[in-house]
């Protein structure tokens, strides 16, 4: 791991918290009938989750960061 690992982990955690919040807000907006904004937020959350999955899969075996 590089010297930037703690910062990288903080950024990763913040992005996942944002995706979780966007998912919750998108779901609430959808229930209120604001489908356009809900879809935008949910798509953004999916992009973050997919990027995280690609990043975790791309790490060399044995160096996966803890969840």
N, C-alpha and C. Protein backbone atom coordinates (compact mmCIF):
# COMPACT_ATOMS: atom_id res chain seq x y z
N UNK A 1 0.83 -1.18 0.00
CA UNK A 1 0.00 0.00 0.00
C UNK A 1 0.87 1.24 0.00
N UNK A 2 0.39 2.26 -0.64
CA UNK A 2 1.15 3.50 -0.70
C UNK A 2 0.89 4.35 0.55
N UNK A 3 1.59 5.47 0.63
CA UNK A 3 1.40 6.39 1.75
C UNK A 3 0.03 7.05 1.69
N UNK A 4 -0.63 6.98 0.54
CA UNK A 4 -1.93 7.62 0.36
C UNK A 4 -3.09 6.68 0.67
N UNK A 5 -2.80 5.51 1.16
CA UNK A 5 -3.84 4.51 1.43
C UNK A 5 -4.91 5.03 2.40
N UNK A 6 -4.55 5.66 3.53
CA UNK A 6 -5.60 6.14 4.44
C UNK A 6 -6.52 7.17 3.77
N UNK A 7 -5.95 8.07 2.99
CA UNK A 7 -6.75 9.06 2.27
C UNK A 7 -7.65 8.37 1.24
N UNK A 8 -7.10 7.41 0.54
CA UNK A 8 -7.87 6.66 -0.46
C UNK A 8 -9.05 5.96 0.20
N UNK A 9 -8.81 5.37 1.38
CA UNK A 9 -9.88 4.69 2.11
C UNK A 9 -10.96 5.68 2.57
N UNK A 10 -10.54 6.87 2.98
CA UNK A 10 -11.50 7.89 3.40
C UNK A 10 -12.36 8.35 2.23
N UNK A 11 -11.72 8.55 1.09
CA UNK A 11 -12.46 8.96 -0.10
C UNK A 11 -13.43 7.86 -0.53
N UNK A 12 -12.97 6.63 -0.51
CA UNK A 12 -13.82 5.48 -0.86
C UNK A 12 -15.03 5.41 0.06
N UNK A 13 -14.81 5.56 1.35
CA UNK A 13 -15.90 5.50 2.32
C UNK A 13 -16.88 6.65 2.10
N UNK A 14 -16.36 7.83 1.81
CA UNK A 14 -17.23 8.99 1.58
C UNK A 14 -18.07 8.79 0.32
N UNK A 15 -17.46 8.24 -0.73
CA UNK A 15 -18.22 7.99 -1.97
C UNK A 15 -19.32 6.97 -1.73
N UNK A 16 -19.04 5.94 -0.96
CA UNK A 16 -20.06 4.93 -0.67
C UNK A 16 -21.18 5.51 0.21
N UNK A 17 -20.82 6.37 1.17
CA UNK A 17 -21.86 7.02 1.98
C UNK A 17 -22.73 7.91 1.10
N UNK A 18 -22.10 8.63 0.15
CA UNK A 18 -22.86 9.46 -0.77
C UNK A 18 -23.81 8.60 -1.61
N UNK A 19 -23.31 7.47 -2.11
CA UNK A 19 -24.14 6.58 -2.92
C UNK A 19 -25.31 6.05 -2.09
N UNK A 20 -25.06 5.69 -0.85
CA UNK A 20 -26.14 5.22 0.03
C UNK A 20 -27.18 6.31 0.23
N UNK A 21 -26.73 7.53 0.47
CA UNK A 21 -27.65 8.65 0.67
C UNK A 21 -28.43 8.96 -0.61
N UNK A 22 -27.75 8.92 -1.75
CA UNK A 22 -28.42 9.16 -3.02
C UNK A 22 -29.48 8.09 -3.29
N UNK A 23 -29.18 6.86 -2.91
CA UNK A 23 -30.16 5.78 -3.06
C UNK A 23 -31.40 6.04 -2.21
N UNK A 24 -31.18 6.41 -0.95
CA UNK A 24 -32.31 6.68 -0.06
C UNK A 24 -33.13 7.86 -0.56
N UNK A 25 -32.47 8.94 -0.93
CA UNK A 25 -33.18 10.12 -1.41
C UNK A 25 -33.90 9.82 -2.73
N UNK A 26 -33.24 9.11 -3.62
CA UNK A 26 -33.86 8.74 -4.89
C UNK A 26 -35.12 7.92 -4.68
N UNK A 27 -35.07 7.00 -3.73
CA UNK A 27 -36.25 6.18 -3.42
C UNK A 27 -37.38 7.04 -2.88
N UNK A 28 -37.06 7.96 -1.99
CA UNK A 28 -38.09 8.86 -1.45
C UNK A 28 -38.68 9.76 -2.53
N UNK A 29 -37.83 10.29 -3.40
CA UNK A 29 -38.34 11.13 -4.48
C UNK A 29 -39.24 10.35 -5.42
N UNK A 30 -38.88 9.10 -5.69
CA UNK A 30 -39.70 8.27 -6.55
C UNK A 30 -41.08 8.07 -5.92
N UNK A 31 -41.10 7.84 -4.61
CA UNK A 31 -42.38 7.65 -3.92
C UNK A 31 -43.23 8.91 -3.95
N UNK A 32 -42.58 10.07 -3.99
CA UNK A 32 -43.30 11.35 -4.07
C UNK A 32 -43.71 11.68 -5.50
N UNK A 33 -43.23 10.90 -6.46
CA UNK A 33 -43.62 11.13 -7.86
C UNK A 33 -42.62 11.92 -8.66
N UNK A 34 -41.48 12.30 -8.08
CA UNK A 34 -40.46 13.05 -8.81
C UNK A 34 -39.51 12.05 -9.49
N UNK A 35 -40.02 11.42 -10.53
CA UNK A 35 -39.29 10.32 -11.16
C UNK A 35 -38.01 10.76 -11.87
N UNK A 36 -38.00 11.96 -12.44
CA UNK A 36 -36.81 12.42 -13.16
C UNK A 36 -35.63 12.58 -12.22
N UNK A 37 -35.84 13.29 -11.13
CA UNK A 37 -34.75 13.51 -10.17
C UNK A 37 -34.37 12.20 -9.47
N UNK A 38 -35.37 11.38 -9.17
CA UNK A 38 -35.10 10.08 -8.55
C UNK A 38 -34.21 9.23 -9.45
N UNK A 39 -34.53 9.19 -10.73
CA UNK A 39 -33.74 8.39 -11.66
C UNK A 39 -32.30 8.90 -11.74
N UNK A 40 -32.13 10.21 -11.77
CA UNK A 40 -30.79 10.79 -11.84
C UNK A 40 -29.96 10.36 -10.62
N UNK A 41 -30.54 10.48 -9.44
CA UNK A 41 -29.81 10.11 -8.23
C UNK A 41 -29.52 8.61 -8.18
N UNK A 42 -30.50 7.80 -8.54
CA UNK A 42 -30.30 6.36 -8.49
C UNK A 42 -29.25 5.90 -9.50
N UNK A 43 -29.25 6.50 -10.69
CA UNK A 43 -28.23 6.15 -11.68
C UNK A 43 -26.83 6.54 -11.19
N UNK A 44 -26.74 7.70 -10.54
CA UNK A 44 -25.45 8.14 -10.00
C UNK A 44 -24.97 7.16 -8.92
N UNK A 45 -25.87 6.72 -8.07
CA UNK A 45 -25.51 5.76 -7.03
C UNK A 45 -25.03 4.45 -7.65
N UNK A 46 -25.72 3.98 -8.67
CA UNK A 46 -25.33 2.73 -9.33
C UNK A 46 -23.94 2.87 -9.94
N UNK A 47 -23.64 4.01 -10.56
CA UNK A 47 -22.31 4.24 -11.13
C UNK A 47 -21.24 4.14 -10.06
N UNK A 48 -21.49 4.71 -8.89
CA UNK A 48 -20.52 4.67 -7.80
C UNK A 48 -20.33 3.23 -7.32
N UNK A 49 -21.44 2.51 -7.12
CA UNK A 49 -21.34 1.12 -6.67
C UNK A 49 -20.60 0.26 -7.69
N UNK A 50 -20.87 0.47 -8.97
CA UNK A 50 -20.19 -0.32 -10.01
C UNK A 50 -18.70 0.01 -10.07
N UNK A 51 -18.36 1.29 -9.92
CA UNK A 51 -16.95 1.68 -9.91
C UNK A 51 -16.23 1.06 -8.72
N UNK A 52 -16.90 1.02 -7.58
CA UNK A 52 -16.31 0.40 -6.39
C UNK A 52 -16.08 -1.09 -6.63
N UNK A 53 -17.02 -1.72 -7.24
CA UNK A 53 -16.89 -3.16 -7.53
C UNK A 53 -15.71 -3.41 -8.47
N UNK A 54 -15.59 -2.57 -9.51
CA UNK A 54 -14.46 -2.73 -10.46
C UNK A 54 -13.14 -2.50 -9.75
N UNK A 55 -13.09 -1.51 -8.88
CA UNK A 55 -11.86 -1.18 -8.15
C UNK A 55 -11.46 -2.33 -7.24
N UNK A 56 -12.42 -2.88 -6.51
CA UNK A 56 -12.11 -3.98 -5.58
C UNK A 56 -11.69 -5.23 -6.35
N UNK A 57 -12.28 -5.47 -7.51
CA UNK A 57 -11.93 -6.65 -8.29
C UNK A 57 -10.55 -6.49 -8.93
N UNK A 58 -10.15 -5.26 -9.21
CA UNK A 58 -8.88 -5.01 -9.89
C UNK A 58 -7.69 -5.06 -8.94
N UNK A 59 -7.92 -5.02 -7.65
CA UNK A 59 -6.80 -5.07 -6.70
C UNK A 59 -6.13 -6.44 -6.77
N UNK A 60 -4.81 -6.47 -6.67
CA UNK A 60 -4.11 -7.76 -6.67
C UNK A 60 -4.59 -8.64 -5.51
N UNK A 61 -4.59 -9.93 -5.73
CA UNK A 61 -5.05 -10.87 -4.71
C UNK A 61 -4.27 -10.68 -3.40
N UNK A 62 -5.02 -10.62 -2.34
CA UNK A 62 -4.38 -10.47 -1.03
C UNK A 62 -4.22 -9.03 -0.60
N UNK A 63 -4.54 -8.08 -1.48
CA UNK A 63 -4.39 -6.67 -1.11
C UNK A 63 -5.73 -5.97 -1.07
N UNK A 64 -6.81 -6.73 -1.10
CA UNK A 64 -8.13 -6.11 -1.09
C UNK A 64 -8.32 -5.33 0.19
N UNK A 65 -8.84 -4.09 0.03
CA UNK A 65 -9.08 -3.26 1.19
C UNK A 65 -10.28 -3.80 1.95
N UNK A 66 -10.27 -3.70 3.26
CA UNK A 66 -11.41 -4.21 4.04
C UNK A 66 -12.68 -3.44 3.72
N UNK A 67 -13.80 -4.12 3.79
CA UNK A 67 -15.10 -3.48 3.49
C UNK A 67 -15.53 -2.58 4.62
